[in-house]
Amino acid sequence: MMKRLNIIDVKEKKELEYLKGYEISYEDSKRKLRKWELVSREGLDRLKSEMFDGKSYSDGTMICAMDKGKERVVLIREYRVPAGKYLYSMPAGLMDGDEDIMETAKREFHEETGLVLEPVTFDTERYTSVGLSNEKVTIVYGYYEGTPSSDNLEDNEDIEVVIADKSIARRLLSEEEVTIRTALILQRIFNLAPVF
């Protein structure tokens, strides 16, 4: 498959267009003042409500879709600009407007794979990279049907659908770049954890 996206340059940017930067002041265990930097997709009100009021939000979803026999799972091979290479992961995406998490999962799954998702259940929202961001996603589990298609991809997406069984998952985990969340789920689904 020919690469659709091409990185031209990398430079430092002080002000961000889609993310907001924050500095958190806190005291360590010896009451020394410290600082923590993070980025967020949302505003200061949301960040404060999470920190001071215990609120929790989901920014989007990751979709774990299997066939009804639970022998195959849908993955995507996607060119990720921040990594500068292709990574394997489960389909995922951000919520649009007032969508609920199931609507987001069905829309994103179809856009990225051309397949139809039959959602069954979902997990609670969880942090994606808490050292860098307050972003959280909700994993939606369900079944897929249909034929993979790239007809709904946006111009800034380079995605190939991979229907993985246990042998493909084993190969991907040992030979390819797989995101951490996807790797952990594949290890669990196909009993491939290296330690347990």
Protein backbone atom coordinates (compact mmCIF):
# COMPACT_ATOMS: atom_id res chain seq x y z
CA MET A 1 0.00 0.00 0.00
CA MET A 2 1.39 3.39 -0.98
CA LYS A 3 1.74 5.95 1.78
CA ARG A 4 -0.88 8.70 1.44
CA LEU A 5 0.64 11.12 3.96
CA ASN A 6 4.08 12.68 3.89
CA ILE A 7 5.90 14.50 6.72
CA ILE A 8 7.65 17.67 5.52
CA ASP A 9 9.10 19.28 8.68
CA VAL A 10 9.04 19.34 12.48
CA LYS A 11 9.38 22.51 14.54
CA GLU A 12 8.60 23.78 18.02
CA LYS A 13 5.29 25.58 18.43
CA LYS A 14 4.62 27.81 21.42
CA GLU A 15 0.87 28.22 20.91
CA LEU A 16 -1.24 25.27 19.85
CA GLU A 17 -4.33 25.35 17.65
CA TYR A 18 -6.15 22.16 18.73
CA LEU A 19 -4.66 21.54 22.18
CA LYS A 20 -4.38 23.76 25.20
CA GLY A 21 -1.31 23.80 27.42
CA TYR A 22 -1.58 24.06 31.20
CA GLU A 23 0.77 24.29 34.14
CA ILE A 24 -0.37 22.71 37.38
CA SER A 25 1.15 23.93 40.64
CA TYR A 26 1.26 21.36 43.41
CA GLU A 27 3.12 20.55 46.61
CA ASP A 28 5.15 17.37 46.92
CA SER A 29 5.28 15.25 50.10
CA LYS A 30 7.78 17.66 51.68
CA ARG A 31 5.56 20.66 50.80
CA LYS A 32 7.97 21.85 48.12
CA LEU A 33 6.19 23.72 45.32
CA ARG A 34 6.39 21.90 41.99
CA LYS A 35 5.01 22.33 38.46
CA TRP A 36 3.47 19.83 36.01
CA GLU A 37 2.80 20.61 32.37
CA LEU A 38 0.07 18.97 30.35
CA VAL A 39 -2.01 19.42 27.23
CA SER A 40 -5.76 19.02 26.94
CA ARG A 41 -8.33 19.09 24.15
CA GLU A 42 -10.73 20.95 26.42
CA GLY A 43 -10.76 24.15 28.46
CA LEU A 44 -9.72 25.12 31.95
CA ASP A 45 -13.22 24.64 33.41
CA ARG A 46 -13.20 20.96 32.50
CA LEU A 47 -9.68 20.44 33.85
CA LYS A 48 -10.57 22.09 37.16
CA SER A 49 -13.80 20.09 37.45
CA GLU A 50 -11.77 16.89 37.04
CA MET A 51 -9.13 17.90 39.58
CA PHE A 52 -11.22 19.62 42.22
CA ASP A 53 -14.72 18.14 41.79
CA GLY A 54 -13.87 14.54 40.78
CA LYS A 55 -15.74 14.77 37.46
CA SER A 56 -14.90 12.35 34.66
CA TYR A 57 -15.33 12.82 30.91
CA SER A 58 -14.75 10.82 27.76
CA ASP A 59 -13.17 12.48 24.75
CA GLY A 60 -13.91 9.61 22.42
CA THR A 61 -13.80 5.89 21.93
CA MET A 62 -11.67 2.93 20.98
CA ILE A 63 -13.58 0.06 19.39
CA CYS A 64 -12.90 -3.61 20.06
CA ALA A 65 -14.97 -5.39 17.40
CA MET A 66 -14.90 -9.15 16.92
CA ASP A 67 -16.67 -11.63 14.69
CA LYS A 68 -19.55 -13.51 16.33
CA GLY A 69 -17.32 -16.59 16.74
CA LYS A 70 -14.82 -14.45 18.70
CA GLU A 71 -11.92 -15.69 16.60
CA ARG A 72 -11.08 -12.46 14.76
CA VAL A 73 -10.79 -8.82 15.75
CA VAL A 74 -10.76 -5.68 13.62
CA LEU A 75 -7.52 -3.69 13.67
CA ILE A 76 -6.30 -0.84 11.57
CA ARG A 77 -2.84 -0.16 10.20
CA GLU A 78 -2.67 3.61 10.26
CA TYR A 79 0.02 6.10 9.38
CA ARG A 80 0.36 8.22 12.52
CA VAL A 81 1.96 11.60 11.94
CA PRO A 82 3.30 12.00 15.55
CA ALA A 83 5.20 8.70 15.15
CA GLY A 84 6.16 9.23 11.51
CA LYS A 85 5.22 5.63 10.68
CA TYR A 86 2.47 3.06 10.49
CA LEU A 87 1.07 1.68 13.75
CA TYR A 88 -1.45 -1.06 14.41
CA SER A 89 -4.33 -0.21 16.68
CA MET A 90 -8.04 -0.65 17.13
CA PRO A 91 -10.31 1.84 15.39
CA ALA A 92 -10.84 4.95 17.51
CA GLY A 93 -12.00 8.53 17.35
CA LEU A 94 -13.27 11.62 19.09
CA MET A 95 -16.85 12.47 19.94
CA ASP A 96 -18.59 15.00 17.68
CA GLY A 97 -20.90 17.55 19.26
CA ASP A 98 -23.62 15.98 21.39
CA GLU A 99 -23.01 12.37 20.32
CA ASP A 100 -23.15 9.71 22.98
CA ILE A 101 -20.37 7.15 23.13
CA MET A 102 -22.26 4.46 21.20
CA GLU A 103 -23.05 6.87 18.34
CA THR A 104 -19.40 7.90 18.26
CA ALA A 105 -18.24 4.27 18.19
CA LYS A 106 -20.57 3.32 15.32
CA ARG A 107 -19.68 6.42 13.29
CA GLU A 108 -15.91 6.21 13.80
CA PHE A 109 -15.84 2.46 13.19
CA HIS A 110 -17.69 2.84 9.89
CA GLU A 111 -15.61 5.84 8.79
CA GLU A 112 -12.30 4.08 9.48
CA THR A 113 -13.17 0.56 8.33
CA GLY A 114 -16.29 0.66 6.15
CA LEU A 115 -17.70 -2.04 8.46
CA VAL A 116 -20.85 -1.90 10.57
CA LEU A 117 -20.53 -2.14 14.36
CA GLU A 118 -23.10 -3.86 16.54
CA PRO A 119 -22.18 -2.49 19.99
CA VAL A 120 -22.70 -4.84 22.92
CA THR A 121 -21.20 -3.04 25.92
CA PHE A 122 -18.67 -0.44 26.94
CA ASP A 123 -16.11 0.10 29.66
CA THR A 124 -15.68 3.20 31.81
CA GLU A 125 -13.61 6.05 30.38
CA ARG A 126 -9.87 5.68 31.03
CA TYR A 127 -6.79 7.87 30.59
CA THR A 128 -4.76 7.40 27.42
CA SER A 129 -1.47 8.99 28.53
CA VAL A 130 -1.90 10.57 31.94
CA GLY A 131 1.69 11.85 32.05
CA LEU A 132 0.97 14.17 29.11
CA SER A 133 -2.76 14.78 28.94
CA ASN A 134 -6.12 14.46 30.68
CA GLU A 135 -7.56 12.76 27.57
CA LYS A 136 -9.83 9.80 28.32
CA VAL A 137 -11.51 7.34 25.99
CA THR A 138 -14.20 4.73 26.43
CA ILE A 139 -13.66 1.26 24.99
CA VAL A 140 -16.76 -0.01 23.18
CA TYR A 141 -17.01 -3.77 22.60
CA GLY A 142 -19.14 -5.33 19.92
CA TYR A 143 -19.42 -7.37 16.74
CA TYR A 144 -18.65 -6.35 13.19
CA GLU A 145 -20.15 -7.25 9.85
CA GLY A 146 -19.69 -6.16 6.27
CA THR A 147 -16.79 -5.71 3.89
CA PRO A 148 -13.85 -3.42 4.71
CA SER A 149 -13.72 -0.22 2.69
CA SER A 150 -11.66 2.97 2.63
CA ASP A 151 -14.46 4.99 0.98
CA ASN A 152 -15.15 7.09 4.11
CA LEU A 153 -11.59 8.10 4.99
CA GLU A 154 -10.78 11.78 5.32
CA ASP A 155 -7.89 13.28 3.35
CA ASN A 156 -5.73 13.30 6.49
CA GLU A 157 -6.21 9.56 7.16
CA ASP A 158 -4.11 6.69 5.79
CA ILE A 159 -5.77 3.53 7.09
CA GLU A 160 -5.81 -0.12 6.05
CA VAL A 161 -8.20 -2.57 7.76
CA VAL A 162 -6.69 -5.76 9.19
CA ILE A 163 -8.91 -8.62 10.36
CA ALA A 164 -6.65 -10.41 12.84
CA ASP A 165 -6.91 -13.93 14.18
CA LYS A 166 -4.60 -15.32 16.86
CA SER A 167 -1.72 -16.04 14.50
CA ILE A 168 -1.85 -12.57 12.93
CA ALA A 169 -2.07 -10.98 16.39
CA ARG A 170 0.97 -12.97 17.55
CA ARG A 171 2.98 -11.82 14.52
CA LEU A 172 1.95 -8.18 14.91
CA LEU A 173 2.84 -8.15 18.60
CA SER A 174 6.29 -9.58 17.94
CA GLU A 175 7.20 -7.84 14.67
CA GLU A 176 5.22 -4.60 14.29
CA GLU A 177 4.50 -1.34 16.10
CA VAL A 178 1.27 -1.85 18.07
CA THR A 179 -0.15 0.78 20.41
CA ILE A 180 -0.05 -0.16 24.10
CA ARG A 181 -3.83 -0.29 24.60
CA THR A 182 -4.30 -2.46 21.53
CA ALA A 183 -1.40 -4.73 22.51
CA LEU A 184 -2.88 -5.34 25.96
CA ILE A 185 -6.32 -6.13 24.57
CA LEU A 186 -4.90 -8.48 21.91
CA GLN A 187 -2.84 -10.27 24.55
CA ARG A 188 -5.98 -10.74 26.64
CA ILE A 189 -8.30 -11.78 23.80
CA PHE A 190 -5.89 -14.33 22.33
CA ASN A 191 -4.14 -15.36 25.58
CA LEU A 192 -0.76 -14.06 24.34
CA ALA A 193 0.52 -12.27 27.43
CA PRO A 194 4.28 -12.94 27.69
CA VAL A 195 4.28 -13.42 31.48
CA PHE A 196 0.95 -14.85 32.52
